[in-house]
Amino acid sequence: MATNMALKRARKAQRRKQVVAQKRRADTLEASLPARLLRAAQAPIQHCFLTESVFDIGMGTLILARGVTPHHIALSSFLIDVFCLGIKDVMFESVESEVFEMYMDATDAGSPMVSVDPSYARKLLRDLAAWSQSIGFAPHRDFAAVERMFGDVSADASDAVFRFGHDGKPVYIPGPTDTAPLIQRRIAQLRKVLGDDGFETAA
């Protein structure tokens, strides 16, 4: 009898553990980046901005913000290099409107931003990712996840044609945090794909 009771208690404890583990997994999934982006992508688009001079200076930021109201914003940001490296960095955060305005002011101060159509923005990101990948530079590891913020926005709705690189060639401009070994690896990658004369570098 005591053995049966002990077995029942053990089974009950085991079931409780399984329920707790399942709930924990569900909570983790709910808090995961893809789940948060899926929810954010259902809210109306509030803003879509791009660095105005991105095709002149090579580097820029693309921002897409969604929210049910203007007061609480789901913010996605893409740091892009249209001369060579493609999608260098991505960010996704939920912020209050004041924080969003501060972020926009700081970004705009570096280089003025202009409002662009979301379909143009999505096409730019997709075409740039494909181009940079063709010369050996994959987009940031979170790009595919954060790009889902565009939701049902169709890149095909834009007929924009983009020319990447500068004067027909990729130009590698090392960033301030690029180490010497990283710079050498990237130049070697360009040389392997394009040959000595197929690219330029400011390194």
Protein backbone atom coordinates (compact mmCIF):
# COMPACT_ATOMS: atom_id res chain seq x y z
CA MET A 1 0.00 0.00 0.00
CA ALA A 2 2.77 2.38 1.01
CA THR A 3 4.60 1.41 -2.17
CA ASN A 4 1.53 2.26 -4.28
CA MET A 5 1.18 5.65 -2.57
CA ALA A 6 4.85 6.38 -3.16
CA LEU A 7 4.50 5.44 -6.83
CA LYS A 8 1.44 7.67 -7.22
CA ARG A 9 3.26 10.58 -5.58
CA ALA A 10 6.30 10.01 -7.80
CA ARG A 11 4.12 9.94 -10.94
CA LYS A 12 2.32 13.11 -9.81
CA ALA A 13 5.64 14.85 -9.17
CA GLN A 14 6.88 13.73 -12.58
CA ARG A 15 3.75 15.09 -14.30
CA ARG A 16 4.13 18.38 -12.43
CA LYS A 17 7.75 18.61 -13.61
CA GLN A 18 6.67 18.00 -17.20
CA VAL A 19 3.96 20.68 -16.99
CA VAL A 20 6.43 23.19 -15.51
CA ALA A 21 9.02 22.34 -18.20
CA GLN A 22 6.43 22.76 -20.97
CA LYS A 23 5.32 26.11 -19.56
CA ARG A 24 8.93 27.24 -19.33
CA ARG A 25 9.53 26.24 -22.96
CA ALA A 26 6.37 28.10 -24.03
CA ASP A 27 7.43 31.20 -22.09
CA THR A 28 10.90 31.09 -23.66
CA LEU A 29 9.39 30.73 -27.12
CA GLU A 30 7.00 33.60 -26.43
CA ALA A 31 9.96 35.81 -25.42
CA SER A 32 12.13 34.65 -28.34
CA LEU A 33 13.10 37.04 -31.14
CA PRO A 34 10.97 35.35 -33.86
CA ALA A 35 7.85 35.36 -31.62
CA ARG A 36 8.31 39.03 -30.68
CA LEU A 37 8.83 39.96 -34.32
CA LEU A 38 5.77 38.02 -35.41
CA ARG A 39 3.64 40.02 -32.95
CA ALA A 40 5.30 43.32 -33.91
CA ALA A 41 4.76 42.71 -37.65
CA GLN A 42 0.99 42.73 -37.12
CA ALA A 43 0.94 46.34 -35.86
CA PRO A 44 0.56 49.29 -38.29
CA ILE A 45 3.72 50.80 -39.78
CA GLN A 46 4.51 54.13 -38.14
CA HIS A 47 7.80 55.04 -39.85
CA CYS A 48 10.22 53.85 -42.52
CA PHE A 49 13.46 55.84 -42.89
CA LEU A 50 16.72 55.51 -44.80
CA THR A 51 19.99 57.46 -44.70
CA GLU A 52 19.54 59.94 -47.56
CA SER A 53 23.15 59.77 -48.82
CA VAL A 54 23.62 56.00 -48.44
CA PHE A 55 24.49 55.47 -52.13
CA ASP A 56 27.02 58.35 -52.03
CA ILE A 57 28.85 57.46 -48.81
CA GLY A 58 28.33 53.71 -48.93
CA MET A 59 27.08 53.28 -45.36
CA GLY A 60 23.72 54.02 -43.84
CA THR A 61 20.84 52.96 -41.64
CA LEU A 62 17.40 51.71 -42.59
CA ILE A 63 14.69 51.93 -39.92
CA LEU A 64 11.24 50.37 -39.81
CA ALA A 65 8.97 51.15 -36.87
CA ARG A 66 5.57 49.65 -36.11
CA GLY A 67 3.06 50.24 -33.34
CA VAL A 68 -0.63 50.15 -32.53
CA THR A 69 -0.17 53.72 -31.26
CA PRO A 70 2.67 56.21 -31.79
CA HIS A 71 3.52 55.98 -28.08
CA HIS A 72 4.96 52.48 -27.97
CA ILE A 73 7.11 51.45 -30.92
CA ALA A 74 8.60 48.18 -32.15
CA LEU A 75 11.83 49.38 -33.75
CA SER A 76 13.92 47.48 -36.27
CA SER A 77 17.16 48.94 -37.56
CA PHE A 78 19.55 47.70 -40.28
CA LEU A 79 23.11 48.98 -40.66
CA ILE A 80 23.91 48.62 -44.35
CA ASP A 81 27.05 48.87 -46.50
CA VAL A 82 25.97 49.26 -50.14
CA PHE A 83 29.59 49.42 -51.32
CA CYS A 84 30.65 45.95 -50.17
CA LEU A 85 29.60 44.13 -46.99
CA GLY A 86 25.79 44.28 -47.27
CA ILE A 87 23.77 43.94 -44.04
CA LYS A 88 26.38 44.58 -41.36
CA ASP A 89 24.18 44.74 -38.27
CA VAL A 90 20.53 44.53 -37.23
CA MET A 91 18.63 45.55 -34.13
CA PHE A 92 15.13 44.98 -32.79
CA GLU A 93 13.73 46.65 -29.67
CA SER A 94 10.42 47.72 -28.18
CA VAL A 95 10.70 51.33 -27.05
CA GLU A 96 8.60 54.25 -25.86
CA SER A 97 8.10 57.15 -28.28
CA GLU A 98 10.59 59.38 -26.37
CA VAL A 99 13.36 56.78 -26.76
CA PHE A 100 12.51 56.37 -30.45
CA GLU A 101 12.74 60.13 -30.98
CA MET A 102 16.12 60.25 -29.22
CA TYR A 103 17.37 57.37 -31.39
CA MET A 104 16.14 59.10 -34.54
CA ASP A 105 17.76 62.41 -33.52
CA ALA A 106 21.11 60.68 -32.92
CA THR A 107 20.91 58.75 -36.21
CA ASP A 108 19.78 61.82 -38.16
CA ALA A 109 22.61 63.92 -36.70
CA GLY A 110 25.19 61.53 -38.17
CA SER A 111 23.61 61.67 -41.62
CA PRO A 112 20.13 62.97 -42.50
CA MET A 113 17.33 60.40 -42.87
CA VAL A 114 14.49 60.47 -45.39
CA SER A 115 11.15 58.70 -45.38
CA VAL A 116 10.93 55.84 -47.91
CA ASP A 117 8.21 53.44 -48.99
CA PRO A 118 8.36 50.16 -47.02
CA SER A 119 8.28 48.08 -50.23
CA TYR A 120 11.33 50.03 -51.52
CA ALA A 121 13.08 49.43 -48.18
CA ARG A 122 12.37 45.68 -48.22
CA LYS A 123 13.55 45.36 -51.84
CA LEU A 124 16.73 47.26 -51.00
CA LEU A 125 17.51 44.91 -48.10
CA ARG A 126 16.78 41.74 -50.07
CA ASP A 127 18.71 42.82 -53.18
CA LEU A 128 21.66 44.02 -51.07
CA ALA A 129 21.77 40.76 -49.07
CA ALA A 130 21.79 38.73 -52.31
CA TRP A 131 24.49 40.91 -53.92
CA SER A 132 26.86 40.93 -50.93
CA GLN A 133 26.39 37.18 -50.51
CA SER A 134 27.41 36.70 -54.17
CA ILE A 135 30.84 38.19 -53.33
CA GLY A 136 31.19 36.18 -50.14
CA PHE A 137 29.67 38.32 -47.39
CA ALA A 138 26.58 36.85 -45.73
CA PRO A 139 24.11 39.19 -44.00
CA HIS A 140 24.11 39.52 -40.21
CA ARG A 141 22.98 36.30 -38.52
CA ASP A 142 19.72 37.89 -37.25
CA PHE A 143 18.84 39.52 -40.58
CA ALA A 144 16.34 36.86 -41.71
CA ALA A 145 14.51 37.05 -38.36
CA VAL A 146 14.40 40.86 -38.07
CA GLU A 147 13.51 41.33 -41.76
CA ARG A 148 10.18 39.64 -40.91
CA MET A 149 9.17 42.93 -39.30
CA PHE A 150 8.11 43.95 -42.81
CA GLY A 151 5.27 41.44 -42.47
CA ASP A 152 3.06 41.44 -45.57
CA VAL A 153 4.92 44.34 -47.25
CA SER A 154 5.86 43.08 -50.73
CA ALA A 155 9.30 43.86 -52.13
CA ASP A 156 7.80 43.18 -55.58
CA ALA A 157 5.58 46.26 -55.21
CA SER A 158 8.71 48.39 -55.76
CA ASP A 159 10.24 48.67 -59.23
CA ALA A 160 13.44 50.28 -57.89
CA VAL A 161 16.71 49.08 -59.43
CA PHE A 162 19.76 49.29 -57.17
CA ARG A 163 23.42 49.49 -58.17
CA PHE A 164 25.73 48.37 -55.42
CA GLY A 165 29.45 48.98 -55.15
CA HIS A 166 30.96 52.19 -56.54
CA ASP A 167 31.59 52.79 -60.24
CA GLY A 168 30.70 49.16 -60.91
CA LYS A 169 33.08 47.64 -58.33
CA PRO A 170 32.78 46.63 -54.67
CA VAL A 171 34.74 49.00 -52.45
CA TYR A 172 35.78 47.69 -49.03
CA ILE A 173 36.05 50.47 -46.44
CA PRO A 174 37.16 49.00 -43.08
CA GLY A 175 35.15 50.06 -40.04
CA PRO A 176 36.74 51.62 -36.95
CA THR A 177 36.51 48.32 -35.03
CA ASP A 178 37.79 46.06 -37.84
CA THR A 179 40.98 44.31 -36.77
CA ALA A 180 43.98 43.84 -39.07
CA PRO A 181 43.34 40.05 -39.44
CA LEU A 182 39.67 40.70 -40.27
CA ILE A 183 40.62 43.30 -42.90
CA GLN A 184 43.11 40.86 -44.45
CA ARG A 185 40.51 38.06 -44.53
CA ARG A 186 37.96 40.29 -46.26
CA ILE A 187 40.44 41.51 -48.86
CA ALA A 188 41.50 37.89 -49.49
CA GLN A 189 37.82 36.96 -49.94
CA LEU A 190 37.30 39.75 -52.50
CA ARG A 191 40.49 38.77 -54.33
CA LYS A 192 39.38 35.13 -54.47
CA VAL A 193 35.96 35.97 -55.95
CA LEU A 194 36.77 39.01 -58.09
CA GLY A 195 40.52 38.92 -58.81
CA ASP A 196 43.02 41.70 -58.10
CA ASP A 197 41.29 44.26 -60.32
CA GLY A 198 37.66 43.42 -59.52
CA PHE A 199 37.40 45.52 -56.35
CA GLU A 200 38.86 48.50 -54.56
CA THR A 201 39.69 49.05 -50.92
CA ALA A 202 40.33 52.00 -48.62
CA ALA A 203 42.32 49.74 -46.26
